[in-house]
C-alpha atoms as a PDB file:
ATOM      1  CA  MET A   1     107.757 110.240  98.429  1.00  0.00           C
ATOM      2  CA  ILE A   2     106.762 112.873 100.962  1.00  0.00           C
ATOM      3  CA  ASP A   3     109.547 115.382 101.645  1.00  0.00           C
ATOM      4  CA  THR A   4     109.388 115.606 105.458  1.00  0.00           C
ATOM      5  CA  GLU A   5     112.355 117.998 105.687  1.00  0.00           C
ATOM      6  CA  ARG A   6     110.623 120.456 103.383  1.00  0.00           C
ATOM      7  CA  ILE A   7     107.416 120.189 105.448  1.00  0.00           C
ATOM      8  CA  ARG A   8     109.428 120.752 108.637  1.00  0.00           C
ATOM      9  CA  LYS A   9     110.911 123.968 107.228  1.00  0.00           C
ATOM     10  CA  ALA A  10     107.510 125.153 106.003  1.00  0.00           C
ATOM     11  CA  VAL A  11     105.947 124.591 109.444  1.00  0.00           C
ATOM     12  CA  GLU A  12     108.744 126.600 111.064  1.00  0.00           C
ATOM     13  CA  GLU A  13     107.904 129.427 108.668  1.00  0.00           C
ATOM     14  CA  ILE A  14     104.178 129.151 109.435  1.00  0.00           C
ATOM     15  CA  LEU A  15     104.943 129.385 113.154  1.00  0.00           C
ATOM     16  CA  ARG A  16     106.968 132.542 112.544  1.00  0.00           C
ATOM     17  CA  ALA A  17     104.201 133.940 110.289  1.00  0.00           C
ATOM     18  CA  VAL A  18     101.603 133.597 113.061  1.00  0.00           C
ATOM     19  CA  GLY A  19     103.912 135.384 115.515  1.00  0.00           C
ATOM     20  CA  GLU A  20     105.300 132.351 117.318  1.00  0.00           C
ATOM     21  CA  ASP A  21     108.848 131.368 118.164  1.00  0.00           C
ATOM     22  CA  PRO A  22     109.588 127.887 116.744  1.00  0.00           C
ATOM     23  CA  ASP A  23     112.434 127.611 119.275  1.00  0.00           C
ATOM     24  CA  ARG A  24     110.279 127.976 122.374  1.00  0.00           C
ATOM     25  CA  GLU A  25     109.974 124.825 124.465  1.00  0.00           C
ATOM     26  CA  GLY A  26     106.428 123.832 123.505  1.00  0.00           C
ATOM     27  CA  LEU A  27     107.077 124.275 119.777  1.00  0.00           C
ATOM     28  CA  LYS A  28     110.643 122.946 119.363  1.00  0.00           C
ATOM     29  CA  LYS A  29     109.569 119.557 117.993  1.00  0.00           C
ATOM     30  CA  THR A  30     106.301 120.696 116.397  1.00  0.00           C
ATOM     31  CA  PRO A  31     107.709 121.001 112.852  1.00  0.00           C
ATOM     32  CA  GLU A  32     108.989 117.392 112.988  1.00  0.00           C
ATOM     33  CA  ARG A  33     105.702 116.166 114.456  1.00  0.00           C
ATOM     34  CA  VAL A  34     103.698 117.901 111.727  1.00  0.00           C
ATOM     35  CA  ALA A  35     105.978 116.460 109.028  1.00  0.00           C
ATOM     36  CA  ARG A  36     105.479 112.929 110.410  1.00  0.00           C
ATOM     37  CA  MET A  37     101.737 113.557 110.679  1.00  0.00           C
ATOM     38  CA  TYR A  38     101.460 114.535 107.012  1.00  0.00           C
ATOM     39  CA  SER A  39     103.494 111.479 106.022  1.00  0.00           C
ATOM     40  CA  GLU A  40     100.989 109.324 107.877  1.00  0.00           C
ATOM     41  CA  LEU A  41      97.814 111.118 106.769  1.00  0.00           C
ATOM     42  CA  LEU A  42      98.832 111.334 103.112  1.00  0.00           C
ATOM     43  CA  GLY A  43     100.745 108.054 102.725  1.00  0.00           C
ATOM     44  CA  GLY A  44      98.145 106.635 100.343  1.00  0.00           C
ATOM     45  CA  THR A  45      99.337 109.056  97.672  1.00  0.00           C
ATOM     46  CA  PHE A  46     102.319 106.789  97.008  1.00  0.00           C
ATOM     47  CA  GLU A  47     100.678 103.398  97.605  1.00  0.00           C
ATOM     48  CA  ASP A  48      99.264 101.225  94.842  1.00  0.00           C
ATOM     49  CA  PRO A  49      95.728 100.034  95.707  1.00  0.00           C
ATOM     50  CA  ASN A  50      96.217  97.034  93.403  1.00  0.00           C
ATOM     51  CA  VAL A  51      98.242  95.277  96.135  1.00  0.00           C
ATOM     52  CA  HIS A  52      94.921  94.677  97.893  1.00  0.00           C
ATOM     53  CA  LEU A  53      93.623  92.624  94.967  1.00  0.00           C
ATOM     54  CA  GLN A  54      95.870  89.670  95.795  1.00  0.00           C
ATOM     55  CA  SER A  55      93.103  88.264  97.998  1.00  0.00           C
ATOM     56  CA  VAL A  56      90.472  87.666  95.315  1.00  0.00           C
ATOM     57  CA  PHE A  57      88.799  84.274  95.566  1.00  0.00           C
ATOM     58  CA  THR A  58      86.614  82.274  93.201  1.00  0.00           C
ATOM     59  CA  GLU A  59      83.269  81.827  94.910  1.00  0.00           C
ATOM     60  CA  LYS A  60      79.815  80.922  93.597  1.00  0.00           C
ATOM     61  CA  TYR A  61      78.077  83.749  95.377  1.00  0.00           C
ATOM     62  CA  ASP A  62      75.661  86.015  93.554  1.00  0.00           C
ATOM     63  CA  GLU A  63      74.180  88.201  96.278  1.00  0.00           C
ATOM     64  CA  ILE A  64      75.278  91.554  97.664  1.00  0.00           C
ATOM     65  CA  VAL A  65      78.566  91.726  99.576  1.00  0.00           C
ATOM     66  CA  LEU A  66      78.568  94.729 101.914  1.00  0.00           C
ATOM     67  CA  LEU A  67      81.016  96.069 104.468  1.00  0.00           C
ATOM     68  CA  ARG A  68      79.372  98.834 106.493  1.00  0.00           C
ATOM     69  CA  ASP A  69      80.670 101.427 108.892  1.00  0.00           C
ATOM     70  CA  ILE A  70      84.311 101.396 107.800  1.00  0.00           C
ATOM     71  CA  PRO A  71      85.947 104.239 109.743  1.00  0.00           C
ATOM     72  CA  PHE A  72      88.054 106.513 107.561  1.00  0.00           C
ATOM     73  CA  TYR A  73      89.785 109.860 107.640  1.00  0.00           C
ATOM     74  CA  SER A  74      91.103 112.056 104.904  1.00  0.00           C
ATOM     75  CA  VAL A  75      92.472 115.555 104.413  1.00  0.00           C
ATOM     76  CA  CYS A  76      90.445 118.212 102.612  1.00  0.00           C
ATOM     77  CA  GLU A  77      92.513 119.532  99.737  1.00  0.00           C
ATOM     78  CA  HIS A  78      90.907 122.976 100.042  1.00  0.00           C
ATOM     79  CA  HIS A  79      91.836 123.732 103.680  1.00  0.00           C
ATOM     80  CA  LEU A  80      94.284 120.959 104.671  1.00  0.00           C
ATOM     81  CA  LEU A  81      91.958 120.002 107.525  1.00  0.00           C
ATOM     82  CA  PRO A  82      90.711 116.483 108.235  1.00  0.00           C
ATOM     83  CA  PHE A  83      87.345 115.022 107.412  1.00  0.00           C
ATOM     84  CA  ILE A  84      86.364 111.918 109.319  1.00  0.00           C
ATOM     85  CA  GLY A  85      83.551 109.476 108.802  1.00  0.00           C
ATOM     86  CA  LYS A  86      82.281 106.060 107.807  1.00  0.00           C
ATOM     87  CA  ALA A  87      82.279 104.314 104.467  1.00  0.00           C
ATOM     88  CA  HIS A  88      79.781 101.703 103.298  1.00  0.00           C
ATOM     89  CA  VAL A  89      81.028  99.619 100.362  1.00  0.00           C
ATOM     90  CA  ALA A  90      79.008  96.987  98.491  1.00  0.00           C
ATOM     91  CA  TYR A  91      79.359  94.975  95.312  1.00  0.00           C
ATOM     92  CA  LEU A  92      77.447  92.245  93.497  1.00  0.00           C
ATOM     93  CA  PRO A  93      80.043  89.618  92.543  1.00  0.00           C
ATOM     94  CA  THR A  94      80.241  87.587  89.356  1.00  0.00           C
ATOM     95  CA  GLY A  95      82.176  84.602  90.679  1.00  0.00           C
ATOM     96  CA  LYS A  96      84.984  86.516  92.406  1.00  0.00           C
ATOM     97  CA  VAL A  97      84.962  87.868  95.959  1.00  0.00           C
ATOM     98  CA  LEU A  98      87.539  90.018  97.672  1.00  0.00           C
ATOM     99  CA  GLY A  99      88.926  89.296 101.151  1.00  0.00           C
ATOM    100  CA  VAL A 100      86.796  91.388 103.507  1.00  0.00           C
ATOM    101  CA  SER A 101      89.664  93.340 105.083  1.00  0.00           C
ATOM    102  CA  LYS A 102      90.775  94.396 101.616  1.00  0.00           C
ATOM    103  CA  LEU A 103      87.648  96.526 101.187  1.00  0.00           C
ATOM    104  CA  ALA A 104      88.692  98.540 104.250  1.00  0.00           C
ATOM    105  CA  ARG A 105      92.284  98.742 103.005  1.00  0.00           C
ATOM    106  CA  ILE A 106      91.113 100.087  99.637  1.00  0.00           C
ATOM    107  CA  VAL A 107      89.074 102.780 101.428  1.00  0.00           C
ATOM    108  CA  ASP A 108      92.189 103.672 103.458  1.00  0.00           C
ATOM    109  CA  ASN A 109      94.398 103.769 100.387  1.00  0.00           C
ATOM    110  CA  PHE A 110      92.249 106.310  98.567  1.00  0.00           C
ATOM    111  CA  SER A 111      91.361 108.326 101.683  1.00  0.00           C
ATOM    112  CA  HIS A 112      94.974 108.811 102.794  1.00  0.00           C
ATOM    113  CA  ARG A 113      95.522 111.495 100.161  1.00  0.00           C
ATOM    114  CA  LEU A 114      94.565 115.114  99.702  1.00  0.00           C
ATOM    115  CA  GLN A 115      90.936 114.668  98.736  1.00  0.00           C
ATOM    116  CA  ALA A 116      87.492 115.989  98.017  1.00  0.00           C
ATOM    117  CA  GLN A 117      84.859 113.629  99.416  1.00  0.00           C
ATOM    118  CA  GLU A 118      83.034 113.468  96.098  1.00  0.00           C
ATOM    119  CA  ARG A 119      86.185 112.329  94.272  1.00  0.00           C
ATOM    120  CA  LEU A 120      87.073 109.845  97.012  1.00  0.00           C
ATOM    121  CA  THR A 121      83.651 108.192  96.764  1.00  0.00           C
ATOM    122  CA  GLY A 122      83.984 107.788  92.996  1.00  0.00           C
ATOM    123  CA  GLN A 123      87.577 106.544  93.147  1.00  0.00           C
ATOM    124  CA  ILE A 124      86.638 103.685  95.472  1.00  0.00           C
ATOM    125  CA  ALA A 125      83.640 102.707  93.328  1.00  0.00           C
ATOM    126  CA  ASP A 126      85.522 102.926  90.034  1.00  0.00           C
ATOM    127  CA  PHE A 127      88.494 100.949  91.361  1.00  0.00           C
ATOM    128  CA  LEU A 128      86.275  98.075  92.516  1.00  0.00           C
ATOM    129  CA  MET A 129      84.188  98.144  89.340  1.00  0.00           C
ATOM    130  CA  GLU A 130      87.234  98.065  87.062  1.00  0.00           C
ATOM    131  CA  ASN A 131      89.173  95.434  88.996  1.00  0.00           C
ATOM    132  CA  LEU A 132      86.554  93.020  90.362  1.00  0.00           C
ATOM    133  CA  ARG A 133      84.231  93.367  87.363  1.00  0.00           C
ATOM    134  CA  PRO A 134      81.110  92.838  89.482  1.00  0.00           C
ATOM    135  CA  LEU A 135      77.556  93.427  88.288  1.00  0.00           C
ATOM    136  CA  GLY A 136      77.551  96.582  90.384  1.00  0.00           C
ATOM    137  CA  VAL A 137      79.248  98.636  93.076  1.00  0.00           C
ATOM    138  CA  ALA A 138      77.744 101.016  95.623  1.00  0.00           C
ATOM    139  CA  VAL A 139      79.788 103.306  97.861  1.00  0.00           C
ATOM    140  CA  VAL A 140      78.332 105.737 100.391  1.00  0.00           C
ATOM    141  CA  LEU A 141      80.537 107.989 102.529  1.00  0.00           C
ATOM    142  CA  GLN A 142      79.326 109.988 105.520  1.00  0.00           C
ATOM    143  CA  ALA A 143      81.816 112.455 106.978  1.00  0.00           C
ATOM    144  CA  SER A 144      82.194 115.433 109.231  1.00  0.00           C
ATOM    145  CA  HIS A 145      84.459 118.089 107.708  1.00  0.00           C
ATOM    146  CA  SER A 146      86.635 120.131 110.063  1.00  0.00           C
ATOM    147  CA  CYS A 147      86.754 122.893 107.460  1.00  0.00           C
ATOM    148  CA  MET A 148      83.035 123.363 108.101  1.00  0.00           C
ATOM    149  CA  THR A 149      82.735 122.463 111.788  1.00  0.00           C
ATOM    150  CA  ILE A 150      85.592 124.447 113.388  1.00  0.00           C
ATOM    151  CA  ARG A 151      86.034 127.342 110.947  1.00  0.00           C
ATOM    152  CA  GLY A 152      83.994 129.214 108.368  1.00  0.00           C
ATOM    153  CA  ILE A 153      80.318 128.547 108.956  1.00  0.00           C
ATOM    154  CA  ARG A 154      81.062 126.525 112.155  1.00  0.00           C
ATOM    155  CA  LYS A 155      78.296 123.937 112.028  1.00  0.00           C
ATOM    156  CA  PRO A 156      79.414 121.042 114.270  1.00  0.00           C
ATOM    157  CA  GLY A 157      77.352 117.901 113.879  1.00  0.00           C
ATOM    158  CA  SER A 158      76.744 118.423 110.184  1.00  0.00           C
ATOM    159  CA  MET A 159      77.424 115.353 108.050  1.00  0.00           C
ATOM    160  CA  MET A 160      78.202 115.303 104.345  1.00  0.00           C
ATOM    161  CA  VAL A 161      76.916 112.220 102.507  1.00  0.00           C
ATOM    162  CA  THR A 162      78.108 111.209  99.037  1.00  0.00           C
ATOM    163  CA  SER A 163      77.295 108.163  96.949  1.00  0.00           C
ATOM    164  CA  ALA A 164      78.699 106.476  93.884  1.00  0.00           C
ATOM    165  CA  LEU A 165      76.585 103.815  92.193  1.00  0.00           C
ATOM    166  CA  ARG A 166      77.894 101.733  89.330  1.00  0.00           C
ATOM    167  CA  GLY A 167      76.465  98.973  87.145  1.00  0.00           C
ATOM    168  CA  ILE A 168      73.208  97.358  88.277  1.00  0.00           C
ATOM    169  CA  PHE A 169      72.986  99.587  91.362  1.00  0.00           C
ATOM    170  CA  LYS A 170      72.759 102.629  89.105  1.00  0.00           C
ATOM    171  CA  LYS A 171      70.583 101.112  86.366  1.00  0.00           C
ATOM    172  CA  ASP A 172      68.085  99.017  88.334  1.00  0.00           C
ATOM    173  CA  ALA A 173      65.844 100.781  90.882  1.00  0.00           C
ATOM    174  CA  ARG A 174      65.101  97.580  92.859  1.00  0.00           C
ATOM    175  CA  SER A 175      68.793  96.693  93.206  1.00  0.00           C
ATOM    176  CA  ARG A 176      69.631 100.273  94.176  1.00  0.00           C
ATOM    177  CA  SER A 177      66.881 100.293  96.781  1.00  0.00           C
ATOM    178  CA  GLU A 178      68.045  96.953  98.236  1.00  0.00           C
ATOM    179  CA  VAL A 179      71.702  97.931  98.578  1.00  0.00           C
ATOM    180  CA  LEU A 180      70.936 101.363 100.045  1.00  0.00           C
ATOM    181  CA  SER A 181      68.505  99.769 102.501  1.00  0.00           C
ATOM    182  CA  LEU A 182      71.183  97.302 103.626  1.00  0.00           C
ATOM    183  CA  MET A 183      73.715 100.120 104.019  1.00  0.00           C
ATOM    184  CA  HIS A 184      71.418 102.096 106.292  1.00  0.00           C
ATOM    185  CA  ASN A 185      69.767  99.266 108.235  1.00  0.00           C
ATOM    186  CA  ASP A 186      70.834  99.899 111.825  1.00  0.00           C
ATOM    187  CA  LYS A 187      69.155  96.730 113.094  1.00  0.00           C
ATOM    188  CA  GLY A 188      72.264  94.709 112.057  1.00  0.00           C
END
């Protein structure tokens, strides 16, 4: 469980370290706010993604299932700054389909942790591959990283794209091409 009291104390110390007075009016409740924020942003660390597998249904469907443009946010483990973007998640079922909202919940579960985008992409793909046992899984994440847009190189508008392809989407060029085309078809 996240230790909000410890975070609160650490934020007070950070405020002092940057030359601020944690007791001044505008900052009095900041340590508590930051502690609650981290509890919210990183809550997936202590949640089991398997709870989202309770909505698996038997269905004779053997074409691609794709949920595009799933908004997500995460926290970069290198700078503790957010990265925000969209996830596209697809799988090719073998008689079992997952309730559509559960795909978004699985993305949330893994993204609400200290992360690297590359790891996050693979975790989502591997989880679906291992638990749904589809013919293939494809996950593409597009995100803007605050650690690159507001500090360091300062390149706002830049977008990092990562992909994780499993099963048929990795092995078969035609299947890979089809799923990636569906993910990036803006003519919905």
